[in-house]
Structures are given as structure tokens and as C-alpha cells.
Amino acid sequence: MCLGIPGRIVSTTPGLDLGQVEVAGVVREINLALLDGPFVPGEFILIHSGFALERMSPERAADALAFFGPEADDAVPFRADG
């Protein structure tokens, strides 16, 4: 079984398949090549091993993060309503 983690797109660079994505308050570079663009800052994606695997709604991202318990609530600075 693999673990995917929701992240929020912060920015992308036109012409590159990489984006800056926030995960639990930390911004990381994530490969977006497996998904069709364009990507919008604030959009949620599911990440595994540095690759974006699918787009997620804010509600689904919040539900997935709830799996990690109250500690994740403190570390993740977003709400399902934006």
C-alpha cells in the first residue's frame, strides 16, 4: 500500500513540469507531469514520491488530512472553504 499526501499548489513555472506545492506548511518542488495542466495556485493535488497523481477538491484534501489526526490539523494552514 502507498501513502499519498494532499498538497496545495503555490506556484508553477510556465514550460516546466514542476510546481511549488505546500505540504503541512512546507513548500516542496513537485513533478506535475503526470497530470494535464494548467494548474492554478490554491488547487489541491495528491502527492506520492514527489509526483502529483491526481487533483483533489479542498473538502477531499481536508478529509484525507483528518486521517493523520489532530497533529495534522495544527500543521496544515488551510481550511476546506479556502
PDB file of N, CA and C in Angstrom:
ATOM      1  N   MET A   1       0.839  -1.167   0.000  1.00  0.00           N
ATOM      2  CA  MET A   1       0.000   0.000   0.000  1.00  0.00           C
ATOM      3  C   MET A   1       0.889   1.236   0.000  1.00  0.00           C
ATOM      4  N   CYS A   2       0.472   2.258  -0.758  1.00  0.00           N
ATOM      5  CA  CYS A   2       1.211   3.509  -0.860  1.00  0.00           C
ATOM      6  C   CYS A   2       0.443   4.611  -0.150  1.00  0.00           C
ATOM      7  N   LEU A   3       1.173   5.597   0.314  1.00  0.00           N
ATOM      8  CA  LEU A   3       0.564   6.707   1.011  1.00  0.00           C
ATOM      9  C   LEU A   3       0.688   7.964   0.159  1.00  0.00           C
ATOM     10  N   GLY A   4      -0.447   8.573  -0.136  1.00  0.00           N
ATOM     11  CA  GLY A   4      -0.457   9.842  -0.842  1.00  0.00           C
ATOM     12  C   GLY A   4      -0.832  10.947   0.136  1.00  0.00           C
ATOM     13  N   ILE A   5      -0.236  12.119  -0.065  1.00  0.00           N
ATOM     14  CA  ILE A   5      -0.466  13.243   0.842  1.00  0.00           C
ATOM     15  C   ILE A   5      -1.002  14.425   0.041  1.00  0.00           C
ATOM     16  N   PRO A   6      -2.055  15.068   0.513  1.00  0.00           N
ATOM     17  CA  PRO A   6      -2.561  16.253  -0.185  1.00  0.00           C
ATOM     18  C   PRO A   6      -1.613  17.438  -0.040  1.00  0.00           C
ATOM     19  N   GLY A   7      -1.510  18.213  -1.097  1.00  0.00           N
ATOM     20  CA  GLY A   7      -0.730  19.439  -1.064  1.00  0.00           C
ATOM     21  C   GLY A   7      -1.451  20.511  -1.853  1.00  0.00           C
ATOM     22  N   ARG A   8      -1.111  21.762  -1.597  1.00  0.00           N
ATOM     23  CA  ARG A   8      -1.742  22.892  -2.275  1.00  0.00           C
ATOM     24  C   ARG A   8      -0.709  23.569  -3.167  1.00  0.00           C
ATOM     25  N   ILE A   9      -1.055  23.748  -4.430  1.00  0.00           N
ATOM     26  CA  ILE A   9      -0.146  24.393  -5.372  1.00  0.00           C
ATOM     27  C   ILE A   9       0.041  25.853  -4.975  1.00  0.00           C
ATOM     28  N   VAL A  10       1.313  26.248  -4.876  1.00  0.00           N
ATOM     29  CA  VAL A  10       1.663  27.634  -4.555  1.00  0.00           C
ATOM     30  C   VAL A  10       1.980  28.391  -5.841  1.00  0.00           C
ATOM     31  N   SER A  11       2.780  27.764  -6.710  1.00  0.00           N
ATOM     32  CA  SER A  11       3.147  28.409  -7.972  1.00  0.00           C
ATOM     33  C   SER A  11       3.668  27.361  -8.950  1.00  0.00           C
ATOM     34  N   THR A  12       3.652  27.739 -10.219  1.00  0.00           N
ATOM     35  CA  THR A  12       4.244  26.909 -11.267  1.00  0.00           C
ATOM     36  C   THR A  12       5.046  27.821 -12.186  1.00  0.00           C
ATOM     37  N   THR A  13       5.941  27.204 -12.952  1.00  0.00           N
ATOM     38  CA  THR A  13       6.729  27.954 -13.921  1.00  0.00           C
ATOM     39  C   THR A  13       6.312  27.502 -15.310  1.00  0.00           C
ATOM     40  N   PRO A  14       5.818  28.423 -16.145  1.00  0.00           N
ATOM     41  CA  PRO A  14       5.408  28.045 -17.499  1.00  0.00           C
ATOM     42  C   PRO A  14       6.538  27.325 -18.239  1.00  0.00           C
ATOM     43  N   GLY A  15       6.179  26.236 -18.921  1.00  0.00           N
ATOM     44  CA  GLY A  15       7.160  25.483 -19.690  1.00  0.00           C
ATOM     45  C   GLY A  15       7.860  24.382 -18.912  1.00  0.00           C
ATOM     46  N   LEU A  16       7.664  24.336 -17.603  1.00  0.00           N
ATOM     47  CA  LEU A  16       8.267  23.280 -16.782  1.00  0.00           C
ATOM     48  C   LEU A  16       7.170  22.416 -16.182  1.00  0.00           C
ATOM     49  N   ASP A  17       7.480  21.175 -15.918  1.00  0.00           N
ATOM     50  CA  ASP A  17       6.520  20.254 -15.301  1.00  0.00           C
ATOM     51  C   ASP A  17       6.658  20.223 -13.783  1.00  0.00           C
ATOM     52  N   LEU A  18       7.254  21.250 -13.211  1.00  0.00           N
ATOM     53  CA  LEU A  18       7.467  21.306 -11.769  1.00  0.00           C
ATOM     54  C   LEU A  18       6.656  22.444 -11.167  1.00  0.00           C
ATOM     55  N   GLY A  19       6.204  22.237  -9.936  1.00  0.00           N
ATOM     56  CA  GLY A  19       5.477  23.277  -9.234  1.00  0.00           C
ATOM     57  C   GLY A  19       5.902  23.327  -7.780  1.00  0.00           C
ATOM     58  N   GLN A  20       5.733  24.488  -7.184  1.00  0.00           N
ATOM     59  CA  GLN A  20       5.969  24.646  -5.759  1.00  0.00           C
ATOM     60  C   GLN A  20       4.659  24.306  -5.062  1.00  0.00           C
ATOM     61  N   VAL A  21       4.703  23.336  -4.152  1.00  0.00           N
ATOM     62  CA  VAL A  21       3.496  22.825  -3.510  1.00  0.00           C
ATOM     63  C   VAL A  21       3.691  22.829  -2.002  1.00  0.00           C
ATOM     64  N   GLU A  22       2.693  23.333  -1.280  1.00  0.00           N
ATOM     65  CA  GLU A  22       2.745  23.390   0.176  1.00  0.00           C
ATOM     66  C   GLU A  22       2.158  22.106   0.765  1.00  0.00           C
ATOM     67  N   VAL A  23       2.948  21.502   1.636  1.00  0.00           N
ATOM     68  CA  VAL A  23       2.518  20.305   2.362  1.00  0.00           C
ATOM     69  C   VAL A  23       2.813  20.542   3.840  1.00  0.00           C
ATOM     70  N   ALA A  24       1.769  20.639   4.646  1.00  0.00           N
ATOM     71  CA  ALA A  24       1.916  20.843   6.092  1.00  0.00           C
ATOM     72  C   ALA A  24       2.804  22.041   6.415  1.00  0.00           C
ATOM     73  N   GLY A  25       2.623  23.125   5.670  1.00  0.00           N
ATOM     74  CA  GLY A  25       3.366  24.339   5.934  1.00  0.00           C
ATOM     75  C   GLY A  25       4.753  24.406   5.314  1.00  0.00           C
ATOM     76  N   VAL A  26       5.172  23.356   4.626  1.00  0.00           N
ATOM     77  CA  VAL A  26       6.482  23.316   3.982  1.00  0.00           C
ATOM     78  C   VAL A  26       6.268  23.311   2.471  1.00  0.00           C
ATOM     79  N   VAL A  27       6.985  24.184   1.754  1.00  0.00           N
ATOM     80  CA  VAL A  27       6.872  24.243   0.302  1.00  0.00           C
ATOM     81  C   VAL A  27       7.932  23.338  -0.308  1.00  0.00           C
ATOM     82  N   ARG A  28       7.467  22.456  -1.213  1.00  0.00           N
ATOM     83  CA  ARG A  28       8.355  21.496  -1.869  1.00  0.00           C
ATOM     84  C   ARG A  28       8.158  21.589  -3.373  1.00  0.00           C
ATOM     85  N   GLU A  29       9.183  21.165  -4.112  1.00  0.00           N
ATOM     86  CA  GLU A  29       9.065  21.090  -5.557  1.00  0.00           C
ATOM     87  C   GLU A  29       8.483  19.722  -5.922  1.00  0.00           C
ATOM     88  N   ILE A  30       7.378  19.730  -6.679  1.00  0.00           N
ATOM     89  CA  ILE A  30       6.664  18.507  -7.033  1.00  0.00           C
ATOM     90  C   ILE A  30       6.558  18.421  -8.557  1.00  0.00           C
ATOM     91  N   ASN A  31       6.726  17.208  -9.085  1.00  0.00           N
ATOM     92  CA  ASN A  31       6.602  16.975 -10.514  1.00  0.00           C
ATOM     93  C   ASN A  31       5.126  16.852 -10.868  1.00  0.00           C
ATOM     94  N   LEU A  32       4.665  17.702 -11.789  1.00  0.00           N
ATOM     95  CA  LEU A  32       3.260  17.751 -12.193  1.00  0.00           C
ATOM     96  C   LEU A  32       3.015  17.081 -13.546  1.00  0.00           C
ATOM     97  N   ALA A  33       4.028  16.448 -14.125  1.00  0.00           N
ATOM     98  CA  ALA A  33       3.962  15.934 -15.496  1.00  0.00           C
ATOM     99  C   ALA A  33       2.899  14.857 -15.703  1.00  0.00           C
ATOM    100  N   LEU A  34       2.483  14.158 -14.669  1.00  0.00           N
ATOM    101  CA  LEU A  34       1.509  13.088 -14.828  1.00  0.00           C
ATOM    102  C   LEU A  34       0.076  13.603 -14.965  1.00  0.00           C
ATOM    103  N   LEU A  35      -0.132  14.887 -14.714  1.00  0.00           N
ATOM    104  CA  LEU A  35      -1.467  15.492 -14.813  1.00  0.00           C
ATOM    105  C   LEU A  35      -1.499  16.514 -15.945  1.00  0.00           C
ATOM    106  N   ASP A  36      -2.675  16.698 -16.511  1.00  0.00           N
ATOM    107  CA  ASP A  36      -2.844  17.735 -17.527  1.00  0.00           C
ATOM    108  C   ASP A  36      -2.978  19.091 -16.857  1.00  0.00           C
ATOM    109  N   GLY A  37      -2.290  20.084 -17.374  1.00  0.00           N
ATOM    110  CA  GLY A  37      -2.408  21.442 -16.871  1.00  0.00           C
ATOM    111  C   GLY A  37      -3.565  22.136 -17.553  1.00  0.00           C
ATOM    112  N   PRO A  38      -3.729  23.398 -17.339  1.00  0.00           N
ATOM    113  CA  PRO A  38      -2.904  24.249 -16.476  1.00  0.00           C
ATOM    114  C   PRO A  38      -3.248  24.067 -15.000  1.00  0.00           C
ATOM    115  N   PHE A  39      -2.337  24.522 -14.168  1.00  0.00           N
ATOM    116  CA  PHE A  39      -2.511  24.438 -12.723  1.00  0.00           C
ATOM    117  C   PHE A  39      -2.730  25.833 -12.162  1.00  0.00           C
ATOM    118  N   VAL A  40      -3.552  25.892 -11.138  1.00  0.00           N
ATOM    119  CA  VAL A  40      -3.937  27.175 -10.549  1.00  0.00           C
ATOM    120  C   VAL A  40      -3.449  27.210  -9.097  1.00  0.00           C
ATOM    121  N   PRO A  41      -2.754  28.286  -8.699  1.00  0.00           N
ATOM    122  CA  PRO A  41      -2.382  28.391  -7.288  1.00  0.00           C
ATOM    123  C   PRO A  41      -3.617  28.248  -6.398  1.00  0.00           C
ATOM    124  N   GLY A  42      -3.474  27.458  -5.335  1.00  0.00           N
ATOM    125  CA  GLY A  42      -4.578  27.186  -4.428  1.00  0.00           C
ATOM    126  C   GLY A  42      -5.244  25.848  -4.705  1.00  0.00           C
ATOM    127  N   GLU A  43      -4.987  25.275  -5.865  1.00  0.00           N
ATOM    128  CA  GLU A  43      -5.552  23.975  -6.229  1.00  0.00           C
ATOM    129  C   GLU A  43      -4.866  22.869  -5.420  1.00  0.00           C
ATOM    130  N   PHE A  44      -5.628  21.835  -5.067  1.00  0.00           N
ATOM    131  CA  PHE A  44      -5.087  20.722  -4.287  1.00  0.00           C
ATOM    132  C   PHE A  44      -4.781  19.534  -5.179  1.00  0.00           C
ATOM    133  N   ILE A  45      -3.680  18.861  -4.871  1.00  0.00           N
ATOM    134  CA  ILE A  45      -3.276  17.662  -5.582  1.00  0.00           C
ATOM    135  C   ILE A  45      -2.893  16.585  -4.578  1.00  0.00           C
ATOM    136  N   LEU A  46      -2.938  15.336  -5.021  1.00  0.00           N
ATOM    137  CA  LEU A  46      -2.487  14.208  -4.217  1.00  0.00           C
ATOM    138  C   LEU A  46      -1.070  13.884  -4.661  1.00  0.00           C
ATOM    139  N   ILE A  47      -0.140  13.799  -3.700  1.00  0.00           N
ATOM    140  CA  ILE A  47       1.279  13.624  -3.993  1.00  0.00           C
ATOM    141  C   ILE A  47       1.759  12.279  -3.457  1.00  0.00           C
ATOM    142  N   HIS A  48       2.576  11.604  -4.255  1.00  0.00           N
ATOM    143  CA  HIS A  48       3.260  10.388  -3.808  1.00  0.00           C
ATOM    144  C   HIS A  48       4.660  10.403  -4.413  1.00  0.00           C
ATOM    145  N   SER A  49       5.663  10.274  -3.582  1.00  0.00           N
ATOM    146  CA  SER A  49       7.066  10.206  -4.018  1.00  0.00           C
ATOM    147  C   SER A  49       7.467  11.366  -4.925  1.00  0.00           C
ATOM    148  N   GLY A  50       6.969  12.553  -4.629  1.00  0.00           N
ATOM    149  CA  GLY A  50       7.359  13.735  -5.379  1.00  0.00           C
ATOM    150  C   GLY A  50       6.598  13.968  -6.667  1.00  0.00           C
ATOM    151  N   PHE A  51       5.579  13.137  -6.943  1.00  0.00           N
ATOM    152  CA  PHE A  51       4.775  13.273  -8.156  1.00  0.00           C
ATOM    153  C   PHE A  51       3.325  13.557  -7.793  1.00  0.00           C
ATOM    154  N   ALA A  52       2.697  14.457  -8.536  1.00  0.00           N
ATOM    155  CA  ALA A  52       1.263  14.714  -8.387  1.00  0.00           C
ATOM    156  C   ALA A  52       0.522  13.615  -9.136  1.00  0.00           C
ATOM    157  N   LEU A  53      -0.370  12.913  -8.431  1.00  0.00           N
ATOM    158  CA  LEU A  53      -1.086  11.797  -9.040  1.00  0.00           C
ATOM    159  C   LEU A  53      -2.506  12.150  -9.466  1.00  0.00           C
ATOM    160  N   GLU A  54      -3.141  13.077  -8.752  1.00  0.00           N
ATOM    161  CA  GLU A  54      -4.495  13.494  -9.124  1.00  0.00           C
ATOM    162  C   GLU A  54      -4.837  14.814  -8.477  1.00  0.00           C
ATOM    163  N   ARG A  55      -5.837  15.480  -9.035  1.00  0.00           N
ATOM    164  CA  ARG A  55      -6.360  16.707  -8.445  1.00  0.00           C
ATOM    165  C   ARG A  55      -7.356  16.327  -7.357  1.00  0.00           C
ATOM    166  N   MET A  56      -7.494  17.200  -6.355  1.00  0.00           N
ATOM    167  CA  MET A  56      -8.407  16.943  -5.242  1.00  0.00           C
ATOM    168  C   MET A  56      -9.216  18.203  -4.955  1.00  0.00           C
ATOM    169  N   SER A  57     -10.439  18.008  -4.496  1.00  0.00           N
ATOM    170  CA  SER A  57     -11.223  19.146  -4.023  1.00  0.00           C
ATOM    171  C   SER A  57     -10.679  19.539  -2.644  1.00  0.00           C
ATOM    172  N   PRO A  58     -10.902  20.780  -2.217  1.00  0.00           N
ATOM    173  CA  PRO A  58     -10.474  21.179  -0.873  1.00  0.00           C
ATOM    174  C   PRO A  58     -11.098  20.295   0.215  1.00  0.00           C
ATOM    175  N   GLU A  59     -12.342  19.885   0.007  1.00  0.00           N
ATOM    176  CA  GLU A  59     -13.020  19.043   1.001  1.00  0.00           C
ATOM    177  C   GLU A  59     -12.351  17.669   1.094  1.00  0.00           C
ATOM    178  N   ARG A  60     -12.033  17.113  -0.060  1.00  0.00           N
ATOM    179  CA  ARG A  60     -11.381  15.792  -0.066  1.00  0.00           C
ATOM    180  C   ARG A  60      -9.976  15.879   0.541  1.00  0.00           C
ATOM    181  N   ALA A  61      -9.261  16.963   0.277  1.00  0.00           N
ATOM    182  CA  ALA A  61      -7.933  17.150   0.868  1.00  0.00           C
ATOM    183  C   ALA A  61      -8.036  17.239   2.387  1.00  0.00           C
ATOM    184  N   ALA A  62      -9.022  17.992   2.883  1.00  0.00           N
ATOM    185  CA  ALA A  62      -9.214  18.114   4.337  1.00  0.00           C
ATOM    186  C   ALA A  62      -9.578  16.769   4.950  1.00  0.00           C
ATOM    187  N   ASP A  63     -10.430  15.992   4.273  1.00  0.00           N
ATOM    188  CA  ASP A  63     -10.791  14.661   4.777  1.00  0.00           C
ATOM    189  C   ASP A  63      -9.571  13.749   4.836  1.00  0.00           C
ATOM    190  N   ALA A  64      -8.735  13.799   3.806  1.00  0.00           N
ATOM    191  CA  ALA A  64      -7.535  12.954   3.784  1.00  0.00           C
ATOM    192  C   ALA A  64      -6.588  13.338   4.914  1.00  0.00           C
ATOM    193  N   LEU A  65      -6.431  14.637   5.160  1.00  0.00           N
ATOM    194  CA  LEU A  65      -5.533  15.085   6.228  1.00  0.00           C
ATOM    195  C   LEU A  65      -6.085  14.754   7.615  1.00  0.00           C
ATOM    196  N   ALA A  66      -7.402  14.635   7.735  1.00  0.00           N
ATOM    197  CA  ALA A  66      -8.000  14.269   9.022  1.00  0.00           C
ATOM    198  C   ALA A  66      -7.540  12.886   9.463  1.00  0.00           C
ATOM    199  N   PHE A  67      -7.169  12.052   8.507  1.00  0.00           N
ATOM    200  CA  PHE A  67      -6.655  10.716   8.811  1.00  0.00           C
ATOM    201  C   PHE A  67      -5.428  10.777   9.731  1.00  0.00           C
ATOM    202  N   PHE A  68      -4.628  11.835   9.599  1.00  0.00           N
ATOM    203  CA  PHE A  68      -3.398  11.956  10.367  1.00  0.00           C
ATOM    204  C   PHE A  68      -3.627  12.456  11.786  1.00  0.00           C
ATOM    205  N   GLY A  69      -4.862  12.826  12.123  1.00  0.00           N
ATOM    206  CA  GLY A  69      -5.200  13.198  13.485  1.00  0.00           C
ATOM    207  C   GLY A  69      -5.025  14.672  13.777  1.00  0.00           C
ATOM    208  N   PRO A  70      -5.206  15.029  15.072  1.00  0.00           N
ATOM    209  CA  PRO A  70      -5.173  16.448  15.473  1.00  0.00           C
ATOM    210  C   PRO A  70      -3.836  17.128  15.189  1.00  0.00           C
ATOM    211  N   GLU A  71      -2.745  16.364  15.195  1.00  0.00           N
ATOM    212  CA  GLU A  71      -1.435  16.967  14.922  1.00  0.00           C
ATOM    213  C   GLU A  71      -1.402  17.555  13.519  1.00  0.00           C
ATOM    214  N   ALA A  72      -2.049  16.890  12.570  1.00  0.00           N
ATOM    215  CA  ALA A  72      -2.089  17.389  11.195  1.00  0.00           C
ATOM    216  C   ALA A  72      -2.917  18.665  11.120  1.00  0.00           C
ATOM    217  N   ASP A  73      -3.971  18.766  11.912  1.00  0.00           N
ATOM    218  CA  ASP A  73      -4.793  19.979  11.912  1.00  0.00           C
ATOM    219  C   ASP A  73      -3.962  21.196  12.283  1.00  0.00           C
ATOM    220  N   ASP A  74      -3.042  21.046  13.232  1.00  0.00           N
ATOM    221  CA  ASP A  74      -2.200  22.160  13.650  1.00  0.00           C
ATOM    222  C   ASP A  74      -1.147  22.508  12.609  1.00  0.00           C
ATOM    223  N   ALA A  75      -0.698  21.512  11.845  1.00  0.00           N
ATOM    224  CA  ALA A  75       0.387  21.729  10.890  1.00  0.00           C
ATOM    225  C   ALA A  75      -0.096  22.225   9.539  1.00  0.00           C
ATOM    226  N   VAL A  76      -1.368  22.043   9.229  1.00  0.00           N
ATOM    227  CA  VAL A  76      -1.860  22.385   7.901  1.00  0.00           C
ATOM    228  C   VAL A  76      -2.643  23.688   7.949  1.00  0.00           C
ATOM    229  N   PRO A  77      -2.108  24.738   7.323  1.00  0.00           N
ATOM    230  CA  PRO A  77      -2.731  26.055   7.429  1.00  0.00           C
ATOM    231  C   PRO A  77      -3.797  26.336   6.380  1.00  0.00           C
ATOM    232  N   PHE A  78      -4.712  25.397   6.151  1.00  0.00           N
ATOM    233  CA  PHE A  78      -5.809  25.688   5.237  1.00  0.00           C
ATOM    234  C   PHE A  78      -7.086  25.043   5.729  1.00  0.00           C
ATOM    235  N   ARG A  79      -8.179  25.595   5.227  1.00  0.00           N
ATOM    236  CA  ARG A  79      -9.497  25.058   5.550  1.00  0.00           C
ATOM    237  C   ARG A  79     -10.162  24.621   4.260  1.00  0.00           C
ATOM    238  N   ALA A  80     -11.143  23.767   4.366  1.00  0.00           N
ATOM    239  CA  ALA A  80     -11.851  23.273   3.185  1.00  0.00           C
ATOM    240  C   ALA A  80     -12.524  24.404   2.418  1.00  0.00           C
ATOM    241  N   ASP A  81     -12.868  25.500   3.091  1.00  0.00           N
ATOM    242  CA  ASP A  81     -13.550  26.589   2.398  1.00  0.00           C
ATOM    243  C   ASP A  81     -12.565  27.644   1.859  1.00  0.00           C
ATOM    244  N   GLY A  82     -11.281  27.302   1.861  1.00  0.00           N
ATOM    245  CA  GLY A  82     -10.296  28.210   1.235  1.00  0.00           C
ATOM    246  C   GLY A  82      -9.476  28.901   2.245  1.00  0.00           C
TER     247      GLY A  82
END
